[in-house]
């Protein structure tokens, strides 16, 4: 996009090259996955799955530390990016989807079908925003607000998956 269009009604989004060069944009925009024109949140959530694979090999306590650091970092980079763009919660910010997905995948078996199920349930919660996600989305502002609704979607996904596992979903999946 030509530089003269930046900051106009046509586009306020950073370009791919601005995203690559700026570490704040790079993280907030999910290493460029948020720049996808259709369904950037789904794109970011999918890329989060790729990063999940090495994360899943960590001891539990290290996984938790990574989640906390990613969350705290996300508050800053998402808030800063929204402020630069002058938009409350731009859809191109997808670092919150990364953290939400990693929360959703926290205690599930690392089998492909559970990962796919976690992805689908997380996207459903993130898109439909049932209570309390919708409340957080409306009431909490800035970087914290951008992060919290996806953290809540991740937690609801985690709880849903744990309930499914506790009630025998493993009887319906391949061994």
Protein backbone atom coordinates (compact mmCIF):
# COMPACT_ATOMS: atom_id res chain seq x y z
CA UNK A 1 0.00 0.00 0.00
CA UNK A 2 1.50 3.36 -0.92
CA UNK A 3 2.68 5.42 2.04
CA UNK A 4 0.36 8.30 1.11
CA UNK A 5 -2.66 6.09 1.93
CA UNK A 6 -1.51 5.29 5.47
CA UNK A 7 -3.63 6.95 8.10
CA UNK A 8 -6.48 7.72 5.69
CA UNK A 9 -9.94 6.26 5.46
CA UNK A 10 -8.60 3.83 2.84
CA UNK A 11 -6.09 2.14 5.16
CA UNK A 12 -4.63 2.60 8.58
CA UNK A 13 -3.11 -0.88 8.63
CA UNK A 14 0.64 -1.33 8.67
CA UNK A 15 2.09 -2.92 5.56
CA UNK A 16 3.69 -6.35 5.62
CA UNK A 17 7.16 -4.78 5.56
CA UNK A 18 6.32 -2.41 8.42
CA UNK A 19 5.10 -5.44 10.36
CA UNK A 20 8.29 -7.39 9.71
CA UNK A 21 10.54 -4.45 10.66
CA UNK A 22 8.70 -3.38 13.82
CA UNK A 23 8.83 -5.90 16.70
CA UNK A 24 5.64 -4.47 18.26
CA UNK A 25 3.67 -4.85 15.04
CA UNK A 26 5.33 -8.20 14.37
CA UNK A 27 4.08 -9.69 17.63
CA UNK A 28 0.70 -7.92 17.78
CA UNK A 29 -0.08 -8.92 14.19
CA UNK A 30 0.96 -12.52 14.80
CA UNK A 31 4.08 -12.44 12.61
CA UNK A 32 1.94 -11.10 9.75
CA UNK A 33 -0.93 -13.59 10.08
CA UNK A 34 -3.25 -10.76 11.14
CA UNK A 35 -2.76 -9.07 7.77
CA UNK A 36 -4.79 -11.78 6.04
CA UNK A 37 -7.81 -9.99 4.52
CA UNK A 38 -10.46 -12.61 5.39
CA UNK A 39 -10.71 -14.00 8.95
CA UNK A 40 -7.45 -12.68 10.44
CA UNK A 41 -8.41 -14.09 13.87
CA UNK A 42 -8.74 -17.57 12.41
CA UNK A 43 -5.44 -17.12 10.60
CA UNK A 44 -3.73 -16.06 13.83
CA UNK A 45 -5.30 -18.94 15.75
CA UNK A 46 -4.06 -21.39 13.12
CA UNK A 47 -0.51 -20.02 13.26
CA UNK A 48 -0.68 -20.30 17.07
CA UNK A 49 -1.15 -24.06 16.59
CA UNK A 50 2.18 -24.27 14.80
CA UNK A 51 3.90 -22.50 17.71
CA UNK A 52 2.02 -24.78 20.12
CA UNK A 53 3.82 -27.87 18.84
CA UNK A 54 7.21 -26.98 20.39
CA UNK A 55 5.50 -25.39 23.41
CA UNK A 56 3.70 -28.66 24.12
CA UNK A 57 7.08 -30.33 24.66
CA UNK A 58 7.93 -28.05 27.58
CA UNK A 59 7.44 -29.10 31.20
CA UNK A 60 4.10 -27.84 32.54
CA UNK A 61 5.65 -25.10 34.71
CA UNK A 62 7.62 -23.72 31.73
CA UNK A 63 4.47 -23.75 29.59
CA UNK A 64 2.70 -21.69 32.28
CA UNK A 65 5.62 -19.23 32.47
CA UNK A 66 5.48 -18.83 28.68
CA UNK A 67 1.73 -18.17 28.89
CA UNK A 68 2.17 -15.50 31.57
CA UNK A 69 4.99 -13.80 29.65
CA UNK A 70 3.00 -13.96 26.38
CA UNK A 71 -0.03 -12.47 28.15
CA UNK A 72 1.92 -9.62 29.75
CA UNK A 73 3.79 -8.91 26.53
CA UNK A 74 0.46 -8.99 24.71
CA UNK A 75 -1.04 -6.31 26.94
CA UNK A 76 1.75 -3.98 25.87
CA UNK A 77 2.10 -4.82 22.15
CA UNK A 78 -1.66 -5.05 21.50
CA UNK A 79 -2.36 -1.83 23.39
CA UNK A 80 0.48 0.02 21.65
CA UNK A 81 -0.62 -1.21 18.21
CA UNK A 82 -4.26 -0.23 18.81
CA UNK A 83 -3.10 3.19 20.00
CA UNK A 84 -0.89 3.71 16.93
CA UNK A 85 -3.76 2.71 14.66
CA UNK A 86 -6.27 4.79 16.63
CA UNK A 87 -8.73 1.85 16.72
CA UNK A 88 -10.07 0.20 19.92
CA UNK A 89 -9.47 -3.43 18.94
CA UNK A 90 -8.33 -3.78 15.32
CA UNK A 91 -9.11 -7.19 13.84
CA UNK A 92 -5.55 -7.42 12.51
CA UNK A 93 -4.23 -7.71 16.09
CA UNK A 94 -4.06 -11.46 16.66
CA UNK A 95 -1.50 -11.95 19.45
CA UNK A 96 -4.50 -12.32 21.76
CA UNK A 97 -5.64 -15.29 19.64
CA UNK A 98 -2.21 -16.87 20.09
CA UNK A 99 -2.45 -16.65 23.88
CA UNK A 100 -6.11 -17.75 23.91
CA UNK A 101 -5.30 -20.81 21.80
CA UNK A 102 -2.36 -21.73 24.02
CA UNK A 103 -4.65 -21.54 27.07
CA UNK A 104 -7.27 -23.69 25.30
CA UNK A 105 -4.61 -26.33 24.58
CA UNK A 106 -3.17 -26.28 28.10
CA UNK A 107 -4.32 -29.61 29.55
CA UNK A 108 -5.54 -31.57 26.56
CA UNK A 109 -3.93 -34.70 25.12
CA UNK A 110 -1.55 -33.75 22.29
CA UNK A 111 -3.43 -35.78 19.68
CA UNK A 112 -4.33 -34.09 16.39
CA UNK A 113 -8.09 -34.51 16.85
CA UNK A 114 -8.06 -32.80 20.27
CA UNK A 115 -6.01 -29.95 18.83
CA UNK A 116 -8.49 -29.55 15.96
CA UNK A 117 -11.42 -29.70 18.39
CA UNK A 118 -9.77 -27.06 20.61
CA UNK A 119 -9.23 -24.84 17.56
CA UNK A 120 -12.87 -25.14 16.47
CA UNK A 121 -14.34 -24.54 19.93
CA UNK A 122 -11.99 -21.60 20.58
CA UNK A 123 -12.93 -19.95 17.27
CA UNK A 124 -16.62 -20.50 18.04
CA UNK A 125 -16.30 -18.80 21.45
CA UNK A 126 -14.12 -16.02 20.03
CA UNK A 127 -16.55 -15.25 17.21
CA UNK A 128 -19.86 -15.63 19.10
CA UNK A 129 -18.53 -14.04 22.32
CA UNK A 130 -20.95 -15.57 24.86
CA UNK A 131 -21.07 -14.14 28.38
CA UNK A 132 -18.59 -13.39 30.06
CA UNK A 133 -16.48 -12.89 26.91
CA UNK A 134 -18.90 -10.27 25.55
CA UNK A 135 -18.83 -8.38 28.86
CA UNK A 136 -15.02 -8.26 28.87
CA UNK A 137 -15.00 -7.23 25.21
CA UNK A 138 -17.35 -4.28 25.92
CA UNK A 139 -16.12 -3.10 29.32
CA UNK A 140 -12.34 -3.56 29.46
CA UNK A 141 -10.30 -1.18 27.31
CA UNK A 142 -6.77 -0.96 25.96
CA UNK A 143 -4.25 -3.78 25.77
CA UNK A 144 -5.81 -5.55 28.77
CA UNK A 145 -9.23 -5.54 27.08
CA UNK A 146 -7.82 -6.80 23.79
CA UNK A 147 -6.14 -9.69 25.61
CA UNK A 148 -8.83 -10.59 28.17
CA UNK A 149 -11.68 -11.56 25.84
CA UNK A 150 -9.45 -14.12 24.11
CA UNK A 151 -8.07 -15.34 27.43
CA UNK A 152 -11.70 -15.89 28.50
CA UNK A 153 -12.44 -17.71 25.22
CA UNK A 154 -9.36 -19.87 25.84
CA UNK A 155 -10.46 -20.65 29.40
CA UNK A 156 -14.01 -21.51 28.28
CA UNK A 157 -12.56 -23.77 25.59
CA UNK A 158 -10.29 -25.42 28.16
CA UNK A 159 -13.22 -26.00 30.53
CA UNK A 160 -15.41 -27.33 27.70
CA UNK A 161 -12.70 -29.75 26.56
CA UNK A 162 -12.07 -30.93 30.12
CA UNK A 163 -15.80 -31.59 30.58
CA UNK A 164 -15.89 -33.51 27.29
CA UNK A 165 -12.85 -35.55 28.31
CA UNK A 166 -14.30 -36.25 31.76
CA UNK A 167 -17.54 -37.44 30.18
CA UNK A 168 -16.06 -39.89 27.73
CA UNK A 169 -15.38 -38.05 24.47
CA UNK A 170 -12.38 -40.37 24.12
CA UNK A 171 -14.86 -43.18 23.35
CA UNK A 172 -15.69 -41.43 20.05
CA UNK A 173 -12.23 -40.62 18.75
CA UNK A 174 -9.58 -42.78 17.07
CA UNK A 175 -7.11 -44.54 19.35
